[in-house]
Each structure stands twice: as structure tokens, then as C-alpha cells.
């Protein structure tokens, strides 16, 4: 499944009952502070994502997925934990 298909699937799904998926989203968002520079995010963009952790909604999943895809593709991010969190979220959406 390519990135565009994943995002489209994500936007059309209802994730209200998927606690694992929401936990994966939170993990990706919490890692963001460590890799915002590598992703080229401004302080404001990073803050917006970090605030999402506190009040994550199912409609935010596609935004977090986009971020996870950027993390997975980035050659600048070397922390395997951050890469693994992003990959787990992507796999969870693929399998949902």
C-alpha cells in the first residue's frame, strides 16, 4: 500500500474504538520533540503536534500518519525507537 492509499484509508476509517492505534499515534507524537529539526518542522508546527497528544481525536490520525511517513522516510533520523514507533503506526493502519 503506498503512502497516498494509506492516508486515504486513514481518512475514511473510524478509529474511535481502536485504542492500540491511538496509543501508536501518541507514541509518534511524543517522539516528535527529539526529531523536529530533522523533519524541518518549525517550533509552531512541533507545538501543534505536541498539543495533539493531550487531546488526540480520531480525525487527527491522518495528520499523525503523514508525520510517521516522513519519519520513516527520513535519512536524518537515526534513533531506532522513533523509527520503530512510526513503523508500528503505519503497520497498524495498514492492518486496520
N, C-alpha and C. Protein backbone atom coordinates (compact mmCIF):
# COMPACT_ATOMS: atom_id res chain seq x y z
N UNK A 1 0.86 -1.17 0.00
CA UNK A 1 0.00 0.00 0.00
C UNK A 1 0.91 1.24 0.00
N UNK A 2 0.69 2.12 -0.96
CA UNK A 2 1.55 3.31 -1.00
C UNK A 2 1.05 4.38 -0.02
N UNK A 3 1.84 5.43 0.13
CA UNK A 3 1.55 6.46 1.12
C UNK A 3 0.20 7.13 0.90
N UNK A 4 -0.13 7.44 -0.35
CA UNK A 4 -1.40 8.12 -0.64
C UNK A 4 -2.58 7.22 -0.32
N UNK A 5 -2.46 5.93 -0.63
CA UNK A 5 -3.54 4.98 -0.32
C UNK A 5 -3.72 4.86 1.19
N UNK A 6 -2.62 4.85 1.91
CA UNK A 6 -2.69 4.78 3.38
C UNK A 6 -3.40 5.98 3.96
N UNK A 7 -3.05 7.16 3.49
CA UNK A 7 -3.69 8.38 4.01
C UNK A 7 -5.17 8.39 3.67
N UNK A 8 -5.51 7.97 2.46
CA UNK A 8 -6.92 7.92 2.05
C UNK A 8 -7.68 6.92 2.93
N UNK A 9 -7.08 5.76 3.17
CA UNK A 9 -7.71 4.76 4.03
C UNK A 9 -7.90 5.32 5.43
N UNK A 10 -6.90 6.00 5.90
CA UNK A 10 -6.92 6.59 7.23
C UNK A 10 -8.05 7.61 7.37
N UNK A 11 -8.23 8.43 6.35
CA UNK A 11 -9.26 9.47 6.39
C UNK A 11 -10.67 8.88 6.33
N UNK A 12 -10.80 7.69 5.76
CA UNK A 12 -12.13 7.11 5.60
C UNK A 12 -12.51 6.14 6.72
N UNK A 13 -11.58 5.85 7.62
CA UNK A 13 -11.85 4.89 8.70
C UNK A 13 -12.31 5.60 9.96
N UNK A 14 -12.98 4.82 10.80
CA UNK A 14 -13.44 5.31 12.09
C UNK A 14 -12.57 4.65 13.17
N UNK A 15 -11.76 5.42 13.85
CA UNK A 15 -10.81 4.87 14.81
C UNK A 15 -11.23 5.09 16.26
N UNK A 16 -12.50 5.36 16.52
CA UNK A 16 -12.93 5.64 17.88
C UNK A 16 -12.66 4.49 18.84
N UNK A 17 -12.79 3.25 18.36
CA UNK A 17 -12.66 2.10 19.24
C UNK A 17 -11.28 1.45 19.19
N UNK A 18 -10.35 2.04 18.46
CA UNK A 18 -9.04 1.41 18.29
C UNK A 18 -8.02 2.06 19.22
N UNK A 19 -7.98 1.56 20.47
CA UNK A 19 -7.08 2.13 21.47
C UNK A 19 -5.61 1.90 21.13
N UNK A 20 -5.28 0.75 20.51
CA UNK A 20 -3.89 0.48 20.13
C UNK A 20 -3.41 1.50 19.11
N UNK A 21 -4.25 1.78 18.14
CA UNK A 21 -3.88 2.74 17.11
C UNK A 21 -3.67 4.13 17.71
N UNK A 22 -4.54 4.52 18.60
CA UNK A 22 -4.41 5.83 19.24
C UNK A 22 -3.14 5.87 20.11
N UNK A 23 -2.81 4.75 20.75
CA UNK A 23 -1.57 4.68 21.55
C UNK A 23 -0.35 4.83 20.64
N UNK A 24 -0.41 4.21 19.46
CA UNK A 24 0.69 4.34 18.50
C UNK A 24 0.82 5.79 18.03
N UNK A 25 -0.30 6.45 17.82
CA UNK A 25 -0.27 7.87 17.44
C UNK A 25 0.40 8.71 18.53
N UNK A 26 0.02 8.44 19.77
CA UNK A 26 0.61 9.20 20.88
C UNK A 26 2.11 8.97 20.96
N UNK A 27 2.55 7.74 20.72
CA UNK A 27 3.99 7.43 20.77
C UNK A 27 4.74 8.24 19.72
N UNK A 28 4.18 8.30 18.50
CA UNK A 28 4.83 9.07 17.43
C UNK A 28 4.88 10.55 17.81
N UNK A 29 3.79 11.06 18.34
CA UNK A 29 3.74 12.48 18.70
C UNK A 29 4.70 12.81 19.84
N UNK A 30 4.83 11.90 20.81
CA UNK A 30 5.73 12.17 21.93
C UNK A 30 7.19 12.17 21.49
N UNK A 31 7.50 11.37 20.49
CA UNK A 31 8.87 11.32 19.96
C UNK A 31 9.24 12.59 19.19
N UNK A 32 8.24 13.32 18.79
CA UNK A 32 8.45 14.44 17.88
C UNK A 32 9.44 15.48 18.38
N UNK A 33 9.45 15.72 19.67
CA UNK A 33 10.34 16.75 20.21
C UNK A 33 11.81 16.44 19.91
N UNK A 34 12.14 15.16 19.84
CA UNK A 34 13.52 14.75 19.58
C UNK A 34 13.93 14.90 18.11
N UNK A 35 12.95 14.88 17.21
CA UNK A 35 13.31 14.83 15.78
C UNK A 35 12.71 15.96 14.95
N UNK A 36 12.19 17.00 15.60
CA UNK A 36 11.53 18.08 14.85
C UNK A 36 12.49 18.79 13.89
N UNK A 37 13.73 18.96 14.30
CA UNK A 37 14.70 19.64 13.43
C UNK A 37 15.01 18.80 12.19
N UNK A 38 15.17 17.49 12.39
CA UNK A 38 15.46 16.60 11.27
C UNK A 38 14.32 16.57 10.26
N UNK A 39 13.09 16.79 10.75
CA UNK A 39 11.92 16.79 9.87
C UNK A 39 11.66 18.16 9.25
N UNK A 40 12.39 19.16 9.71
CA UNK A 40 12.22 20.50 9.18
C UNK A 40 10.96 21.19 9.68
N UNK A 41 10.51 20.82 10.87
CA UNK A 41 9.31 21.44 11.45
C UNK A 41 9.69 22.70 12.21
N UNK A 42 8.86 23.71 12.08
CA UNK A 42 9.07 24.92 12.87
C UNK A 42 8.64 24.65 14.31
N UNK A 43 9.03 25.53 15.21
CA UNK A 43 8.63 25.40 16.62
C UNK A 43 7.11 25.37 16.74
N UNK A 44 6.45 26.22 15.94
CA UNK A 44 4.99 26.31 15.99
C UNK A 44 4.34 25.01 15.53
N UNK A 45 4.84 24.44 14.43
CA UNK A 45 4.30 23.16 13.95
C UNK A 45 4.52 22.06 14.98
N UNK A 46 5.70 22.01 15.55
CA UNK A 46 6.01 21.00 16.56
C UNK A 46 5.10 21.15 17.77
N UNK A 47 4.87 22.38 18.21
CA UNK A 47 3.98 22.63 19.35
C UNK A 47 2.56 22.16 19.05
N UNK A 48 2.10 22.41 17.83
CA UNK A 48 0.76 21.98 17.44
C UNK A 48 0.64 20.46 17.55
N UNK A 49 1.63 19.76 17.04
CA UNK A 49 1.62 18.29 17.13
C UNK A 49 1.71 17.83 18.58
N UNK A 50 2.55 18.47 19.37
CA UNK A 50 2.71 18.05 20.77
C UNK A 50 1.43 18.29 21.58
N UNK A 51 0.68 19.33 21.23
CA UNK A 51 -0.59 19.58 21.91
C UNK A 51 -1.63 18.53 21.55
N UNK A 52 -1.48 17.93 20.37
CA UNK A 52 -2.41 16.87 19.94
C UNK A 52 -2.39 15.69 20.89
N UNK A 53 -1.25 15.43 21.52
CA UNK A 53 -1.11 14.29 22.42
C UNK A 53 -2.15 14.36 23.53
N UNK A 54 -2.37 15.56 24.06
CA UNK A 54 -3.29 15.75 25.17
C UNK A 54 -4.74 15.51 24.78
N UNK A 55 -5.09 15.80 23.54
CA UNK A 55 -6.48 15.73 23.13
C UNK A 55 -6.58 15.09 21.75
N UNK A 56 -6.00 13.92 21.59
CA UNK A 56 -5.97 13.25 20.29
C UNK A 56 -7.36 12.78 19.89
N UNK A 57 -7.76 13.14 18.69
CA UNK A 57 -9.07 12.75 18.16
C UNK A 57 -8.86 11.83 16.97
N UNK A 58 -9.82 10.98 16.68
CA UNK A 58 -9.68 10.08 15.52
C UNK A 58 -9.41 10.82 14.21
N UNK A 59 -9.94 12.02 14.06
CA UNK A 59 -9.69 12.76 12.81
C UNK A 59 -8.25 13.28 12.73
N UNK A 60 -7.50 13.22 13.83
CA UNK A 60 -6.09 13.63 13.81
C UNK A 60 -5.17 12.52 13.31
N UNK A 61 -5.68 11.30 13.22
CA UNK A 61 -4.85 10.15 12.86
C UNK A 61 -4.17 10.35 11.51
N UNK A 62 -4.87 10.92 10.54
CA UNK A 62 -4.25 11.10 9.22
C UNK A 62 -3.08 12.09 9.29
N UNK A 63 -3.18 13.09 10.15
CA UNK A 63 -2.07 14.04 10.32
C UNK A 63 -0.86 13.35 10.95
N UNK A 64 -1.13 12.50 11.94
CA UNK A 64 -0.04 11.78 12.60
C UNK A 64 0.56 10.76 11.64
N UNK A 65 -0.28 10.15 10.81
CA UNK A 65 0.23 9.22 9.81
C UNK A 65 1.18 9.92 8.85
N UNK A 66 0.82 11.10 8.39
CA UNK A 66 1.69 11.86 7.50
C UNK A 66 3.04 12.11 8.16
N UNK A 67 3.00 12.44 9.43
CA UNK A 67 4.23 12.65 10.19
C UNK A 67 5.03 11.35 10.29
N UNK A 68 4.36 10.24 10.57
CA UNK A 68 5.03 8.94 10.68
C UNK A 68 5.69 8.55 9.36
N UNK A 69 5.02 8.84 8.25
CA UNK A 69 5.60 8.54 6.94
C UNK A 69 6.86 9.37 6.70
N UNK A 70 6.84 10.63 7.13
CA UNK A 70 8.03 11.48 7.00
C UNK A 70 9.17 10.93 7.84
N UNK A 71 8.84 10.48 9.05
CA UNK A 71 9.86 9.92 9.94
C UNK A 71 10.47 8.67 9.32
N UNK A 72 9.61 7.81 8.80
CA UNK A 72 10.10 6.55 8.21
C UNK A 72 11.03 6.81 7.03
N UNK A 73 10.70 7.81 6.22
CA UNK A 73 11.48 8.08 5.02
C UNK A 73 12.72 8.93 5.28
N UNK A 74 12.77 9.57 6.43
CA UNK A 74 13.88 10.48 6.71
C UNK A 74 15.18 9.72 6.94
N UNK A 75 16.20 10.13 6.23
CA UNK A 75 17.52 9.56 6.45
C UNK A 75 18.27 10.26 7.57
N UNK A 76 17.72 11.38 8.03
CA UNK A 76 18.39 12.18 9.06
C UNK A 76 18.10 11.66 10.47
N UNK A 77 16.98 10.97 10.64
CA UNK A 77 16.61 10.47 11.96
C UNK A 77 17.29 9.13 12.18
N UNK A 78 18.14 9.08 13.18
CA UNK A 78 18.93 7.87 13.44
C UNK A 78 18.42 7.06 14.64
N UNK A 79 17.57 7.66 15.46
CA UNK A 79 17.07 6.99 16.66
C UNK A 79 16.13 5.85 16.25
N UNK A 80 16.51 4.60 16.52
CA UNK A 80 15.68 3.47 16.09
C UNK A 80 14.33 3.41 16.80
N UNK A 81 14.25 3.92 18.02
CA UNK A 81 12.99 3.91 18.75
C UNK A 81 11.94 4.79 18.05
N UNK A 82 12.37 5.95 17.59
CA UNK A 82 11.47 6.86 16.88
C UNK A 82 11.02 6.22 15.57
N UNK A 83 11.96 5.63 14.85
CA UNK A 83 11.63 4.96 13.58
C UNK A 83 10.66 3.80 13.83
N UNK A 84 10.89 3.03 14.90
CA UNK A 84 10.02 1.90 15.21
C UNK A 84 8.61 2.35 15.56
N UNK A 85 8.48 3.43 16.33
CA UNK A 85 7.15 3.95 16.67
C UNK A 85 6.40 4.35 15.40
N UNK A 86 7.09 5.00 14.49
CA UNK A 86 6.46 5.41 13.22
C UNK A 86 6.05 4.18 12.41
N UNK A 87 6.91 3.19 12.35
CA UNK A 87 6.61 1.97 11.58
C UNK A 87 5.43 1.21 12.19
N UNK A 88 5.36 1.18 13.53
CA UNK A 88 4.23 0.49 14.19
C UNK A 88 2.91 1.15 13.83
N UNK A 89 2.89 2.48 13.82
CA UNK A 89 1.66 3.19 13.47
C UNK A 89 1.27 2.89 12.03
N UNK A 90 2.23 2.93 11.13
CA UNK A 90 1.95 2.68 9.72
C UNK A 90 1.40 1.26 9.54
N UNK A 91 2.02 0.29 10.19
CA UNK A 91 1.54 -1.10 10.08
C UNK A 91 0.14 -1.25 10.67
N UNK A 92 -0.11 -0.59 11.79
CA UNK A 92 -1.43 -0.68 12.42
C UNK A 92 -2.52 -0.17 11.48
N UNK A 93 -2.23 0.90 10.77
CA UNK A 93 -3.22 1.46 9.84
C UNK A 93 -3.37 0.54 8.63
N UNK A 94 -2.26 -0.01 8.15
CA UNK A 94 -2.33 -0.95 7.02
C UNK A 94 -3.22 -2.14 7.36
N UNK A 95 -3.16 -2.60 8.61
CA UNK A 95 -3.89 -3.80 9.01
C UNK A 95 -5.29 -3.51 9.51
N UNK A 96 -5.64 -2.25 9.71
CA UNK A 96 -6.97 -1.93 10.24
C UNK A 96 -8.04 -2.08 9.18
